[in-house]
Amino acid sequence: MVKTTHVGSLPRTQKVVDFIFARENGKAYDQAAFDAAMTEACSETVRRQVAAGVDIVSDGETSKISYATYVKDRYTGFDGDSPRNAPGDLKLFPTFLERLADDGGTPQYARPMCVGPVKSKGQGELEKDIANLKAGMDEHGASQGFMNAASPGVISLFLQNDFYATREEYLAALADAMREEYRTIVESGLHLQLDCPDLALSRHMLFQDLSDDEFLKVANTHVEALNHALDGIDPSKVRVHICWGNYEGPHVCDIDMDKVFGTLMNTAADYLLFETSNPRHAHEWTVFRDRAAEIPESKILVPGVVDTTTNFVEHPALVTERVQKFTNIVGPDRVVAGSDCGFGTFAGFGAVDPEIAYAKLTSLCDGAKAAR
């Protein structure tokens, strides 16, 4: 039987969202009540994952405002606001971009610039998240868990540099700062997931003026920084997630998987999570088939076999079909069925109804069980 997981974030309750935005907007709130709400919500999130049949669970990123910008709350050096860069594909279709904005399809949250040295404020908030996840796992019988963390590259994408002399210096500082967070997660007994949409999404978001070859040079510097931060950590405890942006859109500017394939394989992580349900990339399972000889034997493929931007619930038979495309390439022991992206990338925002998100996870698990 093929194991199951997902990318990490899951829908948050309104109570949790209210607390997160009170903190985000500098409003007064009771810290003890905040912590209690996060503990309660994390437990329920784990329970629902287990009920859906998920083997490798997460905390749903319950306490975080988003998968990348949470670092502004846990590290020094961030203030003000970063410029917003609409993805290149949305710029090609301005009426659709306008519709997204008018419909509230673009989440609003702070993206401060880096304006000073990036240093950890301590691992206290992370340790609370870890404790909540492990308690939820114990309570509901989950044997495997993972915790998300931002990669140096994705931080540099959303929290842009206005302090360090070069992008490379900024990446190096981020790698040094994030190292302790990564180790804290692994040493807790959880797997570490690094979210790296910068390795694909940033091509059509921040580096639109570069050629693909020029972008790949940038992406490779991101991987070098990431691998530096992971130095000494067992790759079998590390997951890397790559994507082209967790939004419904034309995606006609996405860089091909074939072009970023080598960059992905060079990450110091054994578990590789990537989109295959996104209609713009569903055909690219053939890249893994055609380049199978380039996949190190230690690597475990975690294809997204359910989409996270629409409210269609995939039929389990379709999930089985998607999973088997990859088990036929590397064998069932080297495939874990996952989701394209997270269902709650930003607190209080998500295209998929919370109940449908868990229906999708259930279908994911049912389909994976049938895969051989």
Protein backbone atom coordinates (compact mmCIF):
# COMPACT_ATOMS: atom_id res chain seq x y z
CA MET A 1 0.00 0.00 0.00
CA VAL A 2 1.28 3.46 -0.90
CA LYS A 3 1.52 5.85 2.06
CA THR A 4 -0.23 9.21 2.06
CA THR A 5 0.56 12.76 3.14
CA HIS A 6 -0.06 16.33 1.92
CA VAL A 7 1.91 19.55 1.57
CA GLY A 8 1.21 20.91 5.05
CA SER A 9 -1.25 23.76 5.48
CA LEU A 10 -4.91 23.01 6.18
CA PRO A 11 -7.97 25.20 6.75
CA ARG A 12 -7.96 27.10 10.04
CA THR A 13 -10.99 27.79 12.20
CA GLN A 14 -12.34 31.33 12.45
CA LYS A 15 -11.25 31.43 16.10
CA VAL A 16 -7.67 30.69 15.07
CA VAL A 17 -7.80 33.19 12.20
CA ASP A 18 -9.08 35.92 14.53
CA PHE A 19 -6.19 35.34 16.93
CA ILE A 20 -3.61 35.28 14.13
CA PHE A 21 -4.85 38.56 12.66
CA ALA A 22 -5.04 40.20 16.08
CA ARG A 23 -1.32 39.45 16.37
CA GLU A 24 -0.71 40.42 12.74
CA ASN A 25 -2.40 43.80 13.17
CA GLY A 26 -0.85 44.61 16.54
CA LYS A 27 -4.11 44.37 18.46
CA ALA A 28 -4.28 43.30 22.10
CA TYR A 29 -4.95 39.62 22.73
CA ASP A 30 -4.54 37.15 25.58
CA GLN A 31 -1.45 35.01 25.00
CA ALA A 32 -2.71 32.13 27.13
CA ALA A 33 -5.99 32.08 25.22
CA PHE A 34 -4.05 32.25 21.93
CA ASP A 35 -1.91 29.26 22.93
CA ALA A 36 -4.93 27.26 24.11
CA ALA A 37 -6.75 27.92 20.83
CA MET A 38 -3.74 26.72 18.82
CA THR A 39 -3.42 23.55 20.89
CA GLU A 40 -7.12 22.75 20.53
CA ALA A 41 -7.19 23.48 16.79
CA CYS A 42 -4.03 21.48 16.09
CA SER A 43 -5.48 18.46 17.86
CA GLU A 44 -8.65 18.65 15.79
CA THR A 45 -6.60 19.09 12.60
CA VAL A 46 -4.62 15.95 13.37
CA ARG A 47 -7.81 14.06 14.23
CA ARG A 48 -9.34 14.93 10.87
CA GLN A 49 -6.22 13.89 8.97
CA VAL A 50 -6.19 10.53 10.74
CA ALA A 51 -9.90 10.09 10.07
CA ALA A 52 -9.29 10.76 6.38
CA GLY A 53 -6.61 8.07 6.35
CA VAL A 54 -3.50 10.29 6.10
CA ASP A 55 -0.37 8.40 7.19
CA ILE A 56 2.09 11.29 7.56
CA VAL A 57 0.34 14.24 9.22
CA SER A 58 1.18 17.85 10.02
CA ASP A 59 -0.07 20.57 12.35
CA GLY A 60 -1.78 22.21 9.37
CA GLU A 61 0.47 25.24 9.98
CA THR A 62 -2.23 26.26 12.44
CA SER A 63 -0.40 29.11 14.18
CA LYS A 64 1.23 30.70 11.11
CA ILE A 65 -0.04 33.63 9.07
CA SER A 66 1.48 31.99 5.99
CA TYR A 67 4.09 29.41 5.06
CA ALA A 68 6.76 32.03 4.28
CA THR A 69 6.02 35.33 6.00
CA TYR A 70 5.71 33.78 9.47
CA VAL A 71 9.47 34.32 9.77
CA LYS A 72 8.90 38.03 10.35
CA ASP A 73 7.42 37.11 13.74
CA ARG A 74 10.29 34.79 14.72
CA TYR A 75 13.37 36.57 13.34
CA THR A 76 14.76 40.08 13.58
CA GLY A 77 15.60 42.29 10.62
CA PHE A 78 12.17 42.71 8.99
CA ASP A 79 10.09 45.89 8.80
CA GLY A 80 8.06 48.00 6.40
CA ASP A 81 6.61 46.40 3.30
CA SER A 82 7.90 44.62 0.20
CA PRO A 83 6.72 45.41 -3.34
CA ARG A 84 3.98 43.18 -4.70
CA ASN A 85 4.77 41.32 -7.92
CA ALA A 86 1.79 39.77 -9.68
CA PRO A 87 2.66 36.50 -11.43
CA GLY A 88 3.46 36.97 -15.10
CA ASP A 89 0.56 34.83 -16.29
CA LEU A 90 -1.98 37.01 -14.47
CA LYS A 91 -0.50 40.14 -16.06
CA LEU A 92 -1.25 38.62 -19.46
CA PHE A 93 -4.93 38.37 -18.50
CA PRO A 94 -5.66 41.66 -16.68
CA THR A 95 -9.42 41.16 -16.62
CA PHE A 96 -8.94 37.91 -14.72
CA LEU A 97 -6.43 39.57 -12.35
CA GLU A 98 -8.97 42.34 -11.71
CA ARG A 99 -11.66 39.76 -11.04
CA LEU A 100 -9.44 37.99 -8.51
CA ALA A 101 -8.79 41.25 -6.70
CA ASP A 102 -12.47 42.28 -6.72
CA ASP A 103 -13.54 38.86 -5.44
CA GLY A 104 -11.03 38.90 -2.59
CA GLY A 105 -8.93 36.30 -4.41
CA THR A 106 -5.69 37.99 -3.42
CA PRO A 107 -4.89 37.61 0.30
CA GLN A 108 -3.76 40.73 2.14
CA TYR A 109 -1.01 40.35 4.71
CA ALA A 110 2.24 42.06 5.67
CA ARG A 111 5.35 41.34 3.62
CA PRO A 112 8.06 43.41 5.33
CA MET A 113 11.43 44.06 3.75
CA CYS A 114 14.69 42.83 5.21
CA VAL A 115 16.10 46.04 6.69
CA GLY A 116 18.62 44.67 9.20
CA PRO A 117 20.56 41.57 10.26
CA VAL A 118 18.42 38.43 10.25
CA LYS A 119 18.70 36.72 13.63
CA SER A 120 16.52 34.21 15.44
CA LYS A 121 14.38 35.44 18.32
CA GLY A 122 14.57 31.92 19.75
CA GLN A 123 12.68 28.72 19.04
CA GLY A 124 9.88 29.27 21.55
CA GLU A 125 7.05 29.58 19.02
CA LEU A 126 8.34 26.62 17.04
CA GLU A 127 8.60 24.51 20.17
CA LYS A 128 4.94 25.26 20.93
CA ASP A 129 3.99 24.13 17.42
CA ILE A 130 6.02 20.94 17.81
CA ALA A 131 4.48 20.18 21.20
CA ASN A 132 0.97 20.72 19.82
CA LEU A 133 1.57 18.43 16.86
CA LYS A 134 3.14 15.65 18.91
CA ALA A 135 0.35 15.85 21.48
CA GLY A 136 -2.24 15.63 18.71
CA MET A 137 -0.43 12.65 17.19
CA ASP A 138 -0.35 10.86 20.54
CA GLU A 139 -4.02 11.61 21.17
CA HIS A 140 -5.25 10.41 17.79
CA GLY A 141 -2.84 7.62 16.96
CA ALA A 142 -0.73 9.14 14.19
CA SER A 143 2.70 7.53 14.02
CA GLN A 144 4.44 9.87 11.55
CA GLY A 145 4.44 13.65 11.38
CA PHE A 146 6.17 16.53 9.66
CA MET A 147 6.61 20.23 10.31
CA ASN A 148 6.88 22.90 7.62
CA ALA A 149 9.60 25.54 7.50
CA ALA A 150 10.38 28.25 4.97
CA SER A 151 13.42 27.81 2.76
CA PRO A 152 15.96 30.64 2.44
CA GLY A 153 14.90 31.09 -1.17
CA VAL A 154 11.19 31.47 -0.52
CA ILE A 155 11.86 33.98 2.26
CA SER A 156 13.92 36.02 -0.20
CA LEU A 157 11.02 35.84 -2.67
CA PHE A 158 8.35 37.30 -0.38
CA LEU A 159 10.46 39.31 2.10
CA GLN A 160 12.79 41.11 -0.25
CA ASN A 161 16.26 42.37 0.57
CA ASP A 162 16.95 46.02 1.42
CA PHE A 163 19.92 45.47 3.73
CA TYR A 164 22.49 42.97 2.47
CA ALA A 165 24.83 44.02 -0.35
CA THR A 166 23.81 41.17 -2.67
CA ARG A 167 21.14 38.50 -3.06
CA GLU A 168 23.82 35.89 -2.31
CA GLU A 169 24.68 37.59 0.99
CA TYR A 170 21.00 37.70 1.91
CA LEU A 171 20.54 34.00 1.09
CA ALA A 172 23.63 33.11 3.15
CA ALA A 173 22.32 35.09 6.13
CA LEU A 174 18.92 33.42 5.85
CA ALA A 175 20.53 29.98 5.64
CA ASP A 176 22.54 30.63 8.78
CA ALA A 177 19.50 32.00 10.62
CA MET A 178 17.17 29.14 9.64
CA ARG A 179 19.64 26.37 10.45
CA GLU A 180 18.56 26.10 14.10
CA GLU A 181 14.87 25.93 13.16
CA TYR A 182 15.54 23.05 10.79
CA ARG A 183 17.54 21.14 13.38
CA THR A 184 14.98 21.73 16.11
CA ILE A 185 12.29 20.10 13.98
CA VAL A 186 14.38 17.05 13.05
CA GLU A 187 15.70 16.57 16.58
CA SER A 188 12.09 16.50 17.85
CA GLY A 189 11.52 13.31 15.87
CA LEU A 190 9.41 14.95 13.17
CA HIS A 191 10.32 15.16 9.50
CA LEU A 192 11.27 18.59 8.20
CA GLN A 193 9.50 19.97 5.14
CA LEU A 194 11.13 22.86 3.29
CA ASP A 195 8.71 24.86 1.19
CA CYS A 196 10.54 25.90 -2.00
CA PRO A 197 8.12 27.44 -4.51
CA ASP A 198 10.99 29.84 -5.29
CA LEU A 199 12.48 27.05 -7.42
CA ALA A 200 9.58 27.34 -9.90
CA LEU A 201 7.05 30.05 -8.95
CA SER A 202 9.64 32.81 -8.72
CA ARG A 203 10.49 32.31 -12.40
CA HIS A 204 7.24 34.05 -13.43
CA MET A 205 6.86 36.18 -10.29
CA LEU A 206 10.18 37.82 -9.43
CA PHE A 207 12.49 36.90 -12.32
CA GLN A 208 10.21 37.56 -15.28
CA ASP A 209 12.93 39.45 -17.16
CA LEU A 210 15.41 36.57 -17.09
CA SER A 211 15.73 33.74 -19.57
CA ASP A 212 15.05 30.23 -18.30
CA ASP A 213 18.79 29.49 -18.26
CA GLU A 214 19.48 32.67 -16.29
CA PHE A 215 16.72 31.80 -13.84
CA LEU A 216 18.13 28.31 -13.32
CA LYS A 217 21.42 29.85 -12.23
CA VAL A 218 19.50 31.85 -9.62
CA ALA A 219 17.53 28.78 -8.53
CA ASN A 220 20.74 26.83 -8.12
CA THR A 221 22.09 29.49 -5.73
CA HIS A 222 18.89 29.02 -3.73
CA VAL A 223 19.55 25.28 -3.55
CA GLU A 224 23.14 25.90 -2.48
CA ALA A 225 21.91 28.11 0.39
CA LEU A 226 19.31 25.53 1.37
CA ASN A 227 21.80 22.66 1.32
CA HIS A 228 24.20 24.73 3.42
CA ALA A 229 21.48 25.20 6.04
CA LEU A 230 20.75 21.46 5.96
CA ASP A 231 24.38 20.42 6.34
CA GLY A 232 24.59 17.63 8.91
CA ILE A 233 20.89 16.76 8.77
CA ASP A 234 19.93 13.29 7.57
CA PRO A 235 18.28 13.72 4.13
CA SER A 236 15.91 10.85 4.91
CA LYS A 237 14.29 13.19 7.47
CA VAL A 238 13.82 16.03 4.97
CA ARG A 239 11.09 16.83 2.44
CA VAL A 240 11.24 19.57 -0.22
CA HIS A 241 8.13 21.00 -1.89
CA ILE A 242 8.30 22.75 -5.25
CA CYS A 243 5.37 24.40 -7.04
CA TRP A 244 4.29 27.02 -9.58
CA GLY A 245 1.96 28.91 -7.26
CA ASN A 246 -1.10 27.72 -5.38
CA TYR A 247 -3.66 29.74 -7.29
CA GLU A 248 -6.22 29.20 -10.02
CA GLY A 249 -4.94 30.93 -13.11
CA PRO A 250 -3.73 30.37 -16.67
CA HIS A 251 -0.17 29.38 -15.59
CA VAL A 252 1.00 29.90 -19.16
CA CYS A 253 4.28 31.42 -17.94
CA ASP A 254 5.28 28.45 -15.73
CA ILE A 255 8.74 27.05 -16.32
CA ASP A 256 8.68 23.41 -17.43
CA MET A 257 9.37 20.63 -14.93
CA ASP A 258 11.94 19.27 -17.35
CA LYS A 259 13.99 22.44 -16.88
CA VAL A 260 13.90 22.49 -13.05
CA PHE A 261 14.17 18.70 -12.71
CA GLY A 262 17.94 18.70 -12.09
CA THR A 263 17.64 21.56 -9.59
CA LEU A 264 15.01 19.62 -7.63
CA MET A 265 17.14 16.45 -7.64
CA ASN A 266 20.09 18.41 -6.21
CA THR A 267 18.30 19.34 -2.99
CA ALA A 268 19.58 17.64 0.16
CA ALA A 269 16.22 15.99 0.79
CA ASP A 270 15.04 12.46 0.09
CA TYR A 271 11.33 13.31 -0.19
CA LEU A 272 10.39 15.40 -3.24
CA LEU A 273 6.89 16.92 -3.35
CA PHE A 274 5.63 18.39 -6.62
CA GLU A 275 2.44 19.18 -8.53
CA THR A 276 0.92 16.69 -10.94
CA SER A 277 -2.81 17.49 -10.67
CA ASN A 278 -2.41 21.09 -11.85
CA PRO A 279 -3.74 20.88 -15.45
CA ARG A 280 -0.74 22.82 -16.72
CA HIS A 281 1.63 20.16 -15.40
CA ALA A 282 -0.34 16.91 -15.23
CA HIS A 283 1.41 15.65 -18.36
CA GLU A 284 4.86 16.09 -16.81
CA TRP A 285 4.88 12.74 -15.04
CA THR A 286 6.59 11.69 -18.27
CA VAL A 287 9.63 13.77 -17.28
CA PHE A 288 10.16 11.41 -14.35
CA ARG A 289 9.63 8.41 -16.60
CA ASP A 290 12.01 9.62 -19.29
CA ARG A 291 14.68 10.78 -16.83
CA ALA A 292 14.33 7.95 -14.32
CA ALA A 293 18.04 7.16 -14.55
CA GLU A 294 18.74 10.62 -13.10
CA ILE A 295 16.63 10.06 -9.97
CA PRO A 296 18.96 9.04 -7.12
CA GLU A 297 17.91 5.77 -5.50
CA SER A 298 17.49 7.52 -2.15
CA LYS A 299 14.80 9.86 -3.50
CA ILE A 300 11.14 9.25 -2.70
CA LEU A 301 8.62 10.85 -5.05
CA VAL A 302 5.58 12.56 -3.52
CA PRO A 303 3.40 13.62 -6.45
CA GLY A 304 0.37 15.80 -5.86
CA VAL A 305 -2.54 13.55 -6.78
CA VAL A 306 -5.27 15.97 -5.70
CA ASP A 307 -5.58 19.63 -6.66
CA THR A 308 -5.77 22.42 -4.07
CA THR A 309 -7.30 25.27 -6.10
CA THR A 310 -10.74 23.89 -7.05
CA ASN A 311 -13.65 22.27 -5.24
CA PHE A 312 -13.82 19.21 -7.47
CA VAL A 313 -13.28 16.09 -5.35
CA GLU A 314 -11.13 13.74 -7.38
CA HIS A 315 -12.49 10.22 -7.80
CA PRO A 316 -10.36 7.63 -5.97
CA ALA A 317 -9.91 5.77 -9.25
CA LEU A 318 -8.27 8.88 -10.75
CA VAL A 319 -6.00 9.14 -7.72
CA THR A 320 -5.02 5.49 -8.18
CA GLU A 321 -4.22 6.15 -11.83
CA ARG A 322 -2.06 9.15 -10.94
CA VAL A 323 -0.20 7.27 -8.21
CA GLN A 324 0.50 4.28 -10.45
CA LYS A 325 2.19 6.45 -13.05
CA PHE A 326 4.94 6.99 -10.48
CA THR A 327 4.98 3.55 -8.85
CA ASN A 328 5.58 2.18 -12.34
CA ILE A 329 8.71 4.36 -12.52
CA VAL A 330 10.36 3.88 -9.12
CA GLY A 331 8.26 1.23 -7.37
CA PRO A 332 5.62 1.56 -4.62
CA ASP A 333 8.19 1.77 -1.82
CA ARG A 334 9.50 5.01 -3.27
CA VAL A 335 6.18 6.80 -3.77
CA VAL A 336 4.04 8.65 -1.24
CA ALA A 337 0.75 10.13 -2.45
CA GLY A 338 0.41 13.83 -1.68
CA SER A 339 -1.42 17.01 -2.62
CA ASP A 340 -0.36 19.66 -5.13
CA CYS A 341 -0.02 22.39 -2.48
CA GLY A 342 -1.52 23.31 0.86
CA PHE A 343 -5.21 23.91 1.50
CA GLY A 344 -4.59 26.86 3.84
CA THR A 345 -1.55 28.61 2.39
CA PHE A 346 -2.61 31.89 4.00
CA ALA A 347 -4.61 32.14 7.24
CA GLY A 348 -8.24 32.93 6.54
CA PHE A 349 -7.86 32.41 2.81
CA GLY A 350 -8.38 29.36 0.67
CA ALA A 351 -10.10 28.53 -2.60
CA VAL A 352 -11.28 25.15 -1.32
CA ASP A 353 -14.10 24.86 1.22
CA PRO A 354 -12.73 23.35 4.46
CA GLU A 355 -15.09 20.38 4.38
CA ILE A 356 -14.23 19.72 0.74
CA ALA A 357 -10.52 19.89 1.58
CA TYR A 358 -10.93 16.92 3.91
CA ALA A 359 -13.12 15.13 1.36
CA LYS A 360 -10.22 15.51 -1.08
CA LEU A 361 -7.82 14.06 1.48
CA THR A 362 -10.17 11.11 2.02
CA SER A 363 -10.31 10.48 -1.73
CA LEU A 364 -6.52 10.78 -1.89
CA CYS A 365 -6.16 8.08 0.76
CA ASP A 366 -8.80 5.80 -0.73
CA GLY A 367 -7.14 6.00 -4.13
CA ALA A 368 -3.65 5.43 -2.76
CA LYS A 369 -4.77 2.32 -0.90
CA ALA A 370 -5.87 0.81 -4.19
CA ALA A 371 -2.54 1.55 -5.88
CA ARG A 372 -0.03 -1.26 -6.15
